[in-house]
Full PDB file with SEQRES, HELIX, SHEET, SSBOND, CRYST1, ORIGX, SCALE, CONECT and MASTER records, all heavy atoms in Angstrom:
SEQRES   1 A   37  TRP LEU HIS ARG ARG GLY ARG LEU VAL ASP VAL GLY LEU          
SEQRES   2 A   37  SER PRO ARG VAL THR GLY PRO ALA ALA ALA TRP PHE GLY          
SEQRES   3 A   37  LEU PRO PHE LEU ALA ARG VAL ALA VAL VAL ASP                  
HELIX    1 AA1 PRO A   15  ALA A   22  1                                   8    
HELIX    2 AA2 TRP A   24  GLY A   26  5                                   3    
HELIX    3 AA3 LEU A   27  ALA A   31  1                                   5    
HELIX    4 AA4 ARG A   32  VAL A   36  3                                   5    
CRYST1    1.000    1.000    1.000  90.00  90.00  90.00 P 1           1          
ORIGX1      1.000000  0.000000  0.000000        0.00000                         
ORIGX2      0.000000  1.000000  0.000000        0.00000                         
ORIGX3      0.000000  0.000000  1.000000        0.00000                         
SCALE1      1.000000  0.000000  0.000000        0.00000                         
SCALE2      0.000000  1.000000  0.000000        0.00000                         
SCALE3      0.000000  0.000000  1.000000        0.00000                         
ATOM      1  N   TRP A   1     167.039 134.984 116.102  1.00  0.00           N  
ATOM      2  CA  TRP A   1     166.939 136.310 116.716  1.00  0.00           C  
ATOM      3  C   TRP A   1     166.670 136.193 118.215  1.00  0.00           C  
ATOM      4  O   TRP A   1     167.287 136.888 119.026  1.00  0.00           O  
ATOM      5  CB  TRP A   1     165.834 137.104 116.023  1.00  0.00           C  
ATOM      6  CG  TRP A   1     165.654 138.481 116.588  1.00  0.00           C  
ATOM      7  CD1 TRP A   1     166.436 139.574 116.361  1.00  0.00           C  
ATOM      8  CD2 TRP A   1     164.609 138.900 117.471  1.00  0.00           C  
ATOM      9  NE1 TRP A   1     165.954 140.660 117.060  1.00  0.00           N  
ATOM     10  CE2 TRP A   1     164.826 140.276 117.741  1.00  0.00           C  
ATOM     11  CE3 TRP A   1     163.517 138.258 118.046  1.00  0.00           C  
ATOM     12  CZ2 TRP A   1     163.986 141.000 118.570  1.00  0.00           C  
ATOM     13  CZ3 TRP A   1     162.680 138.979 118.882  1.00  0.00           C  
ATOM     14  CH2 TRP A   1     162.914 140.340 119.136  1.00  0.00           C  
ATOM     15  N   LEU A   2     165.763 135.288 118.602  1.00  0.00           N  
ATOM     16  CA  LEU A   2     165.502 135.067 120.023  1.00  0.00           C  
ATOM     17  C   LEU A   2     166.743 134.538 120.726  1.00  0.00           C  
ATOM     18  O   LEU A   2     167.003 134.875 121.895  1.00  0.00           O  
ATOM     19  CB  LEU A   2     164.337 134.087 120.194  1.00  0.00           C  
ATOM     20  CG  LEU A   2     162.934 134.604 119.866  1.00  0.00           C  
ATOM     21  CD1 LEU A   2     161.919 133.478 119.941  1.00  0.00           C  
ATOM     22  CD2 LEU A   2     162.533 135.744 120.806  1.00  0.00           C  
ATOM     23  N   HIS A   3     167.501 133.709 120.024  1.00  0.00           N  
ATOM     24  CA  HIS A   3     168.716 133.163 120.627  1.00  0.00           C  
ATOM     25  C   HIS A   3     169.729 134.265 120.928  1.00  0.00           C  
ATOM     26  O   HIS A   3     170.351 134.284 122.006  1.00  0.00           O  
ATOM     27  CB  HIS A   3     169.315 132.116 119.685  1.00  0.00           C  
ATOM     28  CG  HIS A   3     170.629 131.562 120.152  1.00  0.00           C  
ATOM     29  ND1 HIS A   3     170.788 130.929 121.362  1.00  0.00           N  
ATOM     30  CD2 HIS A   3     171.865 131.570 119.576  1.00  0.00           C  
ATOM     31  CE1 HIS A   3     172.042 130.554 121.506  1.00  0.00           C  
ATOM     32  NE2 HIS A   3     172.722 130.939 120.431  1.00  0.00           N  
ATOM     33  N   ARG A   4     169.880 135.180 120.013  1.00  0.00           N  
ATOM     34  CA  ARG A   4     170.824 136.282 120.230  1.00  0.00           C  
ATOM     35  C   ARG A   4     170.373 137.196 121.379  1.00  0.00           C  
ATOM     36  O   ARG A   4     171.204 137.764 122.079  1.00  0.00           O  
ATOM     37  CB  ARG A   4     170.981 137.094 118.954  1.00  0.00           C  
ATOM     38  CG  ARG A   4     171.823 136.398 117.886  1.00  0.00           C  
ATOM     39  CD  ARG A   4     172.236 137.357 116.792  1.00  0.00           C  
ATOM     40  NE  ARG A   4     171.073 137.929 116.110  1.00  0.00           N  
ATOM     41  CZ  ARG A   4     170.506 137.393 115.033  1.00  0.00           C  
ATOM     42  NH1 ARG A   4     170.995 136.246 114.522  1.00  0.00           N  
ATOM     43  NH2 ARG A   4     169.478 137.972 114.456  1.00  0.00           N  
ATOM     44  N   ARG A   5     169.089 137.306 121.573  1.00  0.00           N  
ATOM     45  CA  ARG A   5     168.564 138.147 122.643  1.00  0.00           C  
ATOM     46  C   ARG A   5     168.458 137.398 123.970  1.00  0.00           C  
ATOM     47  O   ARG A   5     168.000 137.960 124.968  1.00  0.00           O  
ATOM     48  CB  ARG A   5     167.188 138.693 122.260  1.00  0.00           C  
ATOM     49  CG  ARG A   5     167.253 139.703 121.108  1.00  0.00           C  
ATOM     50  CD  ARG A   5     165.845 140.171 120.741  1.00  0.00           C  
ATOM     51  NE  ARG A   5     165.187 140.837 121.863  1.00  0.00           N  
ATOM     52  CZ  ARG A   5     165.289 142.129 122.143  1.00  0.00           C  
ATOM     53  NH1 ARG A   5     166.064 142.910 121.389  1.00  0.00           N  
ATOM     54  NH2 ARG A   5     164.645 142.668 123.151  1.00  0.00           N  
ATOM     55  N   GLY A   6     168.844 136.126 123.989  1.00  0.00           N  
ATOM     56  CA  GLY A   6     168.780 135.354 125.221  1.00  0.00           C  
ATOM     57  C   GLY A   6     167.374 134.992 125.642  1.00  0.00           C  
ATOM     58  O   GLY A   6     167.140 134.714 126.817  1.00  0.00           O  
ATOM     59  N   ARG A   7     166.422 134.964 124.716  1.00  0.00           N  
ATOM     60  CA  ARG A   7     165.020 134.643 125.033  1.00  0.00           C  
ATOM     61  C   ARG A   7     164.600 133.301 124.440  1.00  0.00           C  
ATOM     62  O   ARG A   7     163.413 133.024 124.338  1.00  0.00           O  
ATOM     63  CB  ARG A   7     164.106 135.745 124.474  1.00  0.00           C  
ATOM     64  CG  ARG A   7     164.339 137.120 125.052  1.00  0.00           C  
ATOM     65  CD  ARG A   7     164.063 137.134 126.559  1.00  0.00           C  
ATOM     66  NE  ARG A   7     162.753 136.634 126.886  1.00  0.00           N  
ATOM     67  CZ  ARG A   7     161.633 137.375 126.867  1.00  0.00           C  
ATOM     68  NH1 ARG A   7     161.707 138.654 126.522  1.00  0.00           N  
ATOM     69  NH2 ARG A   7     160.476 136.853 127.206  1.00  0.00           N  
ATOM     70  N   LEU A   8     165.573 132.474 124.084  1.00  0.00           N  
ATOM     71  CA  LEU A   8     165.205 131.233 123.400  1.00  0.00           C  
ATOM     72  C   LEU A   8     164.615 130.193 124.346  1.00  0.00           C  
ATOM     73  O   LEU A   8     163.807 129.359 123.937  1.00  0.00           O  
ATOM     74  CB  LEU A   8     166.437 130.647 122.693  1.00  0.00           C  
ATOM     75  CG  LEU A   8     166.169 129.546 121.666  1.00  0.00           C  
ATOM     76  CD1 LEU A   8     165.266 130.057 120.563  1.00  0.00           C  
ATOM     77  CD2 LEU A   8     167.473 129.035 121.078  1.00  0.00           C  
ATOM     78  N   VAL A   9     165.003 130.217 125.607  1.00  0.00           N  
ATOM     79  CA  VAL A   9     164.500 129.213 126.551  1.00  0.00           C  
ATOM     80  C   VAL A   9     162.992 129.331 126.706  1.00  0.00           C  
ATOM     81  O   VAL A   9     162.256 128.335 126.650  1.00  0.00           O  
ATOM     82  CB  VAL A   9     165.207 129.350 127.910  1.00  0.00           C  
ATOM     83  CG1 VAL A   9     164.597 128.381 128.926  1.00  0.00           C  
ATOM     84  CG2 VAL A   9     166.697 129.086 127.757  1.00  0.00           C  
ATOM     85  N   ASP A  10     162.482 130.560 126.891  1.00  0.00           N  
ATOM     86  CA  ASP A  10     161.032 130.759 127.043  1.00  0.00           C  
ATOM     87  C   ASP A  10     160.379 131.242 125.755  1.00  0.00           C  
ATOM     88  O   ASP A  10     159.185 131.574 125.757  1.00  0.00           O  
ATOM     89  CB  ASP A  10     160.746 131.734 128.180  1.00  0.00           C  
ATOM     90  CG  ASP A  10     161.402 133.096 127.957  1.00  0.00           C  
ATOM     91  OD1 ASP A  10     162.013 133.309 126.877  1.00  0.00           O  
ATOM     92  OD2 ASP A  10     161.324 133.944 128.860  1.00  0.00           O  
ATOM     93  N   VAL A  11     161.160 131.292 124.657  1.00  0.00           N  
ATOM     94  CA  VAL A  11     160.702 131.752 123.336  1.00  0.00           C  
ATOM     95  C   VAL A  11     159.895 133.050 123.429  1.00  0.00           C  
ATOM     96  O   VAL A  11     158.929 133.252 122.673  1.00  0.00           O  
ATOM     97  CB  VAL A  11     159.913 130.660 122.592  1.00  0.00           C  
ATOM     98  CG1 VAL A  11     160.824 129.545 122.163  1.00  0.00           C  
ATOM     99  CG2 VAL A  11     158.750 130.136 123.421  1.00  0.00           C  
ATOM    100  N   GLY A  12     160.260 133.905 124.347  1.00  0.00           N  
ATOM    101  CA  GLY A  12     159.617 135.204 124.471  1.00  0.00           C  
ATOM    102  C   GLY A  12     158.220 135.164 125.029  1.00  0.00           C  
ATOM    103  O   GLY A  12     157.491 136.168 124.945  1.00  0.00           O  
ATOM    104  N   LEU A  13     157.807 134.045 125.617  1.00  0.00           N  
ATOM    105  CA  LEU A  13     156.450 133.913 126.156  1.00  0.00           C  
ATOM    106  C   LEU A  13     156.469 134.016 127.672  1.00  0.00           C  
ATOM    107  O   LEU A  13     157.496 133.804 128.322  1.00  0.00           O  
ATOM    108  CB  LEU A  13     155.830 132.585 125.727  1.00  0.00           C  
ATOM    109  CG  LEU A  13     155.670 132.360 124.215  1.00  0.00           C  
ATOM    110  CD1 LEU A  13     155.142 130.958 123.935  1.00  0.00           C  
ATOM    111  CD2 LEU A  13     154.742 133.408 123.613  1.00  0.00           C  
ATOM    112  N   SER A  14     155.310 134.300 128.218  1.00  0.00           N  
ATOM    113  CA  SER A  14     155.163 134.406 129.663  1.00  0.00           C  
ATOM    114  C   SER A  14     155.196 133.009 130.296  1.00  0.00           C  
ATOM    115  O   SER A  14     154.753 132.030 129.695  1.00  0.00           O  
ATOM    116  CB  SER A  14     153.835 135.091 130.002  1.00  0.00           C  
ATOM    117  OG  SER A  14     153.542 134.974 131.382  1.00  0.00           O  
ATOM    118  N   PRO A  15     155.716 132.905 131.534  1.00  0.00           N  
ATOM    119  CA  PRO A  15     155.674 131.614 132.229  1.00  0.00           C  
ATOM    120  C   PRO A  15     154.261 131.066 132.388  1.00  0.00           C  
ATOM    121  O   PRO A  15     154.090 129.845 132.516  1.00  0.00           O  
ATOM    122  CB  PRO A  15     156.314 131.911 133.584  1.00  0.00           C  
ATOM    123  CG  PRO A  15     157.180 133.106 133.338  1.00  0.00           C  
ATOM    124  CD  PRO A  15     156.456 133.922 132.295  1.00  0.00           C  
ATOM    125  N   ARG A  16     153.262 131.938 132.381  1.00  0.00           N  
ATOM    126  CA  ARG A  16     151.877 131.465 132.471  1.00  0.00           C  
ATOM    127  C   ARG A  16     151.495 130.638 131.238  1.00  0.00           C  
ATOM    128  O   ARG A  16     150.583 129.813 131.308  1.00  0.00           O  
ATOM    129  CB  ARG A  16     150.932 132.650 132.612  1.00  0.00           C  
ATOM    130  CG  ARG A  16     151.108 133.425 133.915  1.00  0.00           C  
ATOM    131  CD  ARG A  16     150.109 134.571 133.993  1.00  0.00           C  
ATOM    132  NE  ARG A  16     150.246 135.327 135.240  1.00  0.00           N  
ATOM    133  CZ  ARG A  16     149.495 136.379 135.537  1.00  0.00           C  
ATOM    134  NH1 ARG A  16     148.538 136.802 134.696  1.00  0.00           N  
ATOM    135  NH2 ARG A  16     149.692 137.006 136.679  1.00  0.00           N  
ATOM    136  N   VAL A  17     152.194 130.894 130.148  1.00  0.00           N  
ATOM    137  CA  VAL A  17     151.928 130.139 128.920  1.00  0.00           C  
ATOM    138  C   VAL A  17     152.857 128.947 128.809  1.00  0.00           C  
ATOM    139  O   VAL A  17     152.432 127.822 128.504  1.00  0.00           O  
ATOM    140  CB  VAL A  17     152.072 131.051 127.688  1.00  0.00           C  
ATOM    141  CG1 VAL A  17     151.872 130.251 126.407  1.00  0.00           C  
ATOM    142  CG2 VAL A  17     151.087 132.205 127.766  1.00  0.00           C  
ATOM    143  N   THR A  18     154.151 129.187 129.049  1.00  0.00           N  
ATOM    144  CA  THR A  18     155.116 128.105 128.871  1.00  0.00           C  
ATOM    145  C   THR A  18     154.975 127.001 129.914  1.00  0.00           C  
ATOM    146  O   THR A  18     155.207 125.830 129.619  1.00  0.00           O  
ATOM    147  CB  THR A  18     156.545 128.670 128.938  1.00  0.00           C  
ATOM    148  OG1 THR A  18     156.741 129.338 130.193  1.00  0.00           O  
ATOM    149  CG2 THR A  18     156.781 129.663 127.805  1.00  0.00           C  
ATOM    150  N   GLY A  19     154.573 127.379 131.139  1.00  0.00           N  
ATOM    151  CA  GLY A  19     154.418 126.373 132.191  1.00  0.00           C  
ATOM    152  C   GLY A  19     153.380 125.315 131.853  1.00  0.00           C  
ATOM    153  O   GLY A  19     153.682 124.116 131.808  1.00  0.00           O  
ATOM    154  N   PRO A  20     152.114 125.723 131.596  1.00  0.00           N  
ATOM    155  CA  PRO A  20     151.111 124.710 131.225  1.00  0.00           C  
ATOM    156  C   PRO A  20     151.446 123.972 129.930  1.00  0.00           C  
ATOM    157  O   PRO A  20     151.177 122.773 129.811  1.00  0.00           O  
ATOM    158  CB  PRO A  20     149.829 125.537 131.073  1.00  0.00           C  
ATOM    159  CG  PRO A  20     150.069 126.762 131.884  1.00  0.00           C  
ATOM    160  CD  PRO A  20     151.525 127.056 131.763  1.00  0.00           C  
ATOM    161  N   ALA A  21     152.025 124.682 128.957  1.00  0.00           N  
ATOM    162  CA  ALA A  21     152.351 124.020 127.696  1.00  0.00           C  
ATOM    163  C   ALA A  21     153.413 122.958 127.898  1.00  0.00           C  
ATOM    164  O   ALA A  21     153.325 121.846 127.355  1.00  0.00           O  
ATOM    165  CB  ALA A  21     152.819 125.053 126.665  1.00  0.00           C  
ATOM    166  N   ALA A  22     154.459 123.265 128.666  1.00  0.00           N  
ATOM    167  CA  ALA A  22     155.518 122.285 128.907  1.00  0.00           C  
ATOM    168  C   ALA A  22     155.004 121.072 129.672  1.00  0.00           C  
ATOM    169  O   ALA A  22     155.576 119.982 129.569  1.00  0.00           O  
ATOM    170  CB  ALA A  22     156.665 122.935 129.679  1.00  0.00           C  
ATOM    171  N   ALA A  23     153.918 121.259 130.442  1.00  0.00           N  
ATOM    172  CA  ALA A  23     153.335 120.153 131.211  1.00  0.00           C  
ATOM    173  C   ALA A  23     152.155 119.516 130.492  1.00  0.00           C  
ATOM    174  O   ALA A  23     151.281 118.928 131.134  1.00  0.00           O  
ATOM    175  CB  ALA A  23     152.909 120.645 132.586  1.00  0.00           C  
ATOM    176  N   TRP A  24     152.119 119.627 129.182  1.00  0.00           N  
ATOM    177  CA  TRP A  24     151.067 119.034 128.360  1.00  0.00           C  
ATOM    178  C   TRP A  24     149.671 119.554 128.727  1.00  0.00           C  
ATOM    179  O   TRP A  24     148.701 118.798 128.773  1.00  0.00           O  
ATOM    180  CB  TRP A  24     151.098 117.510 128.444  1.00  0.00           C  
ATOM    181  CG  TRP A  24     151.769 116.886 127.257  1.00  0.00           C  
ATOM    182  CD1 TRP A  24     152.933 116.227 127.224  1.00  0.00           C  
ATOM    183  CD2 TRP A  24     151.265 116.868 125.902  1.00  0.00           C  
ATOM    184  NE1 TRP A  24     153.232 115.808 125.945  1.00  0.00           N  
ATOM    185  CE2 TRP A  24     152.216 116.187 125.115  1.00  0.00           C  
ATOM    186  CE3 TRP A  24     150.118 117.375 125.291  1.00  0.00           C  
ATOM    187  CZ2 TRP A  24     152.061 115.986 123.756  1.00  0.00           C  
ATOM    188  CZ3 TRP A  24     149.962 117.176 123.929  1.00  0.00           C  
ATOM    189  CH2 TRP A  24     150.918 116.484 123.172  1.00  0.00           C  
ATOM    190  N   PHE A  25     149.593 120.843 129.013  1.00  0.00           N  
ATOM    191  CA  PHE A  25     148.308 121.528 129.214  1.00  0.00           C  
ATOM    192  C   PHE A  25     147.436 120.853 130.269  1.00  0.00           C  
ATOM    193  O   PHE A  25     146.208 120.861 130.189  1.00  0.00           O  
ATOM    194  CB  PHE A  25     147.534 121.617 127.898  1.00  0.00           C  
ATOM    195  CG  PHE A  25     148.305 122.287 126.800  1.00  0.00           C  
ATOM    196  CD1 PHE A  25     148.930 121.529 125.821  1.00  0.00           C  
ATOM    197  CD2 PHE A  25     148.417 123.666 126.740  1.00  0.00           C  
ATOM    198  CE1 PHE A  25     149.648 122.143 124.809  1.00  0.00           C  
ATOM    199  CE2 PHE A  25     149.137 124.285 125.731  1.00  0.00           C  
ATOM    200  CZ  PHE A  25     149.757 123.520 124.763  1.00  0.00           C  
ATOM    201  N   GLY A  26     148.069 120.272 131.255  1.00  0.00           N  
ATOM    202  CA  GLY A  26     147.327 119.648 132.347  1.00  0.00           C  
ATOM    203  C   GLY A  26     146.761 118.282 132.030  1.00  0.00           C  
ATOM    204  O   GLY A  26     146.010 117.731 132.854  1.00  0.00           O  
ATOM    205  N   LEU A  27     147.112 117.702 130.889  1.00  0.00           N  
ATOM    206  CA  LEU A  27     146.598 116.360 130.562  1.00  0.00           C  
ATOM    207  C   LEU A  27     147.025 115.304 131.588  1.00  0.00           C  
ATOM    208  O   LEU A  27     146.201 114.459 131.967  1.00  0.00           O  
ATOM    209  CB  LEU A  27     147.043 115.949 129.167  1.00  0.00           C  
ATOM    210  CG  LEU A  27     146.203 116.459 127.998  1.00  0.00           C  
ATOM    211  CD1 LEU A  27     146.785 115.974 126.671  1.00  0.00           C  
ATOM    212  CD2 LEU A  27     144.758 115.998 128.134  1.00  0.00           C  
ATOM    213  N   PRO A  28     148.273 115.310 132.056  1.00  0.00           N  
ATOM    214  CA  PRO A  28     148.617 114.327 133.099  1.00  0.00           C  
ATOM    215  C   PRO A  28     147.769 114.492 134.354  1.00  0.00           C  
ATOM    216  O   PRO A  28     147.353 113.494 134.965  1.00  0.00           O  
ATOM    217  CB  PRO A  28     150.109 114.626 133.383  1.00  0.00           C  
ATOM    218  CG  PRO A  28     150.614 115.245 132.126  1.00  0.00           C  
ATOM    219  CD  PRO A  28     149.460 116.062 131.610  1.00  0.00           C  
ATOM    220  N   PHE A  29     147.480 115.766 134.739  1.00  0.00           N  
ATOM    221  CA  PHE A  29     146.633 115.989 135.913  1.00  0.00           C  
ATOM    222  C   PHE A  29     145.214 115.468 135.663  1.00  0.00           C  
ATOM    223  O   PHE A  29     144.614 114.800 136.513  1.00  0.00           O  
ATOM    224  CB  PHE A  29     146.608 117.478 136.255  1.00  0.00           C  
ATOM    225  CG  PHE A  29     145.632 117.834 137.347  1.00  0.00           C  
ATOM    226  CD1 PHE A  29     145.936 117.575 138.671  1.00  0.00           C  
ATOM    227  CD2 PHE A  29     144.398 118.421 137.038  1.00  0.00           C  
ATOM    228  CE1 PHE A  29     145.031 117.903 139.678  1.00  0.00           C  
ATOM    229  CE2 PHE A  29     143.508 118.731 138.038  1.00  0.00           C  
ATOM    230  CZ  PHE A  29     143.818 118.479 139.359  1.00  0.00           C  
ATOM    231  N   LEU A  30     144.679 115.788 134.479  1.00  0.00           N  
ATOM    232  CA  LEU A  30     143.336 115.299 134.154  1.00  0.00           C  
ATOM    233  C   LEU A  30     143.291 113.779 134.113  1.00  0.00           C  
ATOM    234  O   LEU A  30     142.314 113.161 134.571  1.00  0.00           O  
ATOM    235  CB  LEU A  30     142.883 115.888 132.812  1.00  0.00           C  
ATOM    236  CG  LEU A  30     142.633 117.401 132.782  1.00  0.00           C  
ATOM    237  CD1 LEU A  30     142.278 117.851 131.373  1.00  0.00           C  
ATOM    238  CD2 LEU A  30     141.520 117.771 133.757  1.00  0.00           C  
ATOM    239  N   ALA A  31     144.334 113.163 133.557  1.00  0.00           N  
ATOM    240  CA  ALA A  31     144.363 111.692 133.510  1.00  0.00           C  
ATOM    241  C   ALA A  31     144.396 111.109 134.911  1.00  0.00           C  
ATOM    242  O   ALA A  31     143.729 110.101 135.193  1.00  0.00           O  
ATOM    243  CB  ALA A  31     145.571 111.232 132.705  1.00  0.00           C  
ATOM    244  N   ARG A  32     145.152 111.759 135.798  1.00  0.00           N  
ATOM    245  CA  ARG A  32     145.215 111.254 137.160  1.00  0.00           C  
ATOM    246  C   ARG A  32     143.876 111.407 137.864  1.00  0.00           C  
ATOM    247  O   ARG A  32     143.413 110.489 138.571  1.00  0.00           O  
ATOM    248  CB  ARG A  32     146.312 111.985 137.935  1.00  0.00           C  
ATOM    249  CG  ARG A  32     146.540 111.407 139.334  1.00  0.00           C  
ATOM    250  CD  ARG A  32     147.698 112.052 140.061  1.00  0.00           C  
ATOM    251  NE  ARG A  32     147.402 113.439 140.413  1.00  0.00           N  
ATOM    252  CZ  ARG A  32     147.954 114.485 139.841  1.00  0.00           C  
ATOM    253  NH1 ARG A  32     148.808 114.322 138.845  1.00  0.00           N  
ATOM    254  NH2 ARG A  32     147.636 115.718 140.216  1.00  0.00           N  
ATOM    255  N   VAL A  33     143.226 112.579 137.671  1.00  0.00           N  
ATOM    256  CA  VAL A  33     141.954 112.824 138.358  1.00  0.00           C  
ATOM    257  C   VAL A  33     140.822 111.985 137.748  1.00  0.00           C  
ATOM    258  O   VAL A  33     139.982 111.436 138.473  1.00  0.00           O  
ATOM    259  CB  VAL A  33     141.606 114.327 138.294  1.00  0.00           C  
ATOM    260  CG1 VAL A  33     140.202 114.579 138.814  1.00  0.00           C  
ATOM    261  CG2 VAL A  33     142.617 115.139 139.090  1.00  0.00           C  
ATOM    262  N   ALA A  34     140.808 111.874 136.415  1.00  0.00           N  
ATOM    263  CA  ALA A  34     139.688 111.199 135.757  1.00  0.00           C  
ATOM    264  C   ALA A  34     139.861 109.691 135.665  1.00  0.00           C  
ATOM    265  O   ALA A  34     138.859 108.965 135.587  1.00  0.00           O  
ATOM    266  CB  ALA A  34     139.499 111.784 134.345  1.00  0.00           C  
ATOM    267  N   VAL A  35     141.094 109.224 135.656  1.00  0.00           N  
ATOM    268  CA  VAL A  35     141.311 107.790 135.430  1.00  0.00           C  
ATOM    269  C   VAL A  35     142.062 107.145 136.586  1.00  0.00           C  
ATOM    270  O   VAL A  35     141.577 106.188 137.205  1.00  0.00           O  
ATOM    271  CB  VAL A  35     142.072 107.562 134.095  1.00  0.00           C  
ATOM    272  CG1 VAL A  35     142.304 106.063 133.882  1.00  0.00           C  
ATOM    273  CG2 VAL A  35     141.319 108.159 132.933  1.00  0.00           C  
ATOM    274  N   VAL A  36     143.252 107.669 136.881  1.00  0.00           N  
ATOM    275  CA  VAL A  36     144.124 106.977 137.829  1.00  0.00           C  
ATOM    276  C   VAL A  36     143.523 106.964 139.228  1.00  0.00           C  
ATOM    277  O   VAL A  36     143.398 105.897 139.852  1.00  0.00           O  
ATOM    278  CB  VAL A  36     145.521 107.637 137.835  1.00  0.00           C  
ATOM    279  CG1 VAL A  36     146.415 106.958 138.869  1.00  0.00           C  
ATOM    280  CG2 VAL A  36     146.148 107.547 136.449  1.00  0.00           C  
ATOM    281  N   ASP A  37     143.153 108.149 139.743  1.00  0.00           N  
ATOM    282  CA  ASP A  37     142.617 108.194 141.102  1.00  0.00           C  
ATOM    283  C   ASP A  37     141.322 107.394 141.251  1.00  0.00           C  
ATOM    284  O   ASP A  37     141.163 106.663 142.244  1.00  0.00           O  
ATOM    285  CB  ASP A  37     142.391 109.648 141.529  1.00  0.00           C  
ATOM    286  CG  ASP A  37     143.710 110.391 141.739  1.00  0.00           C  
ATOM    287  OD1 ASP A  37     144.749 109.710 141.840  1.00  0.00           O  
ATOM    288  OD2 ASP A  37     143.704 111.638 141.776  1.00  0.00           O  
TER     289      ASP A  37                                                      
MASTER        0    0    0    4    0    0    0    6  288    1    0    3          
END                                                                             
């Protein structure tokens, strides 16, 4: 149904939700700040 409505890319969610989720909820940032840096 989302595919037919053209909303499959963001699955009908706000970019505020899909952005952090697609980036692993900030885990890479936390790893860089807590470990790498």
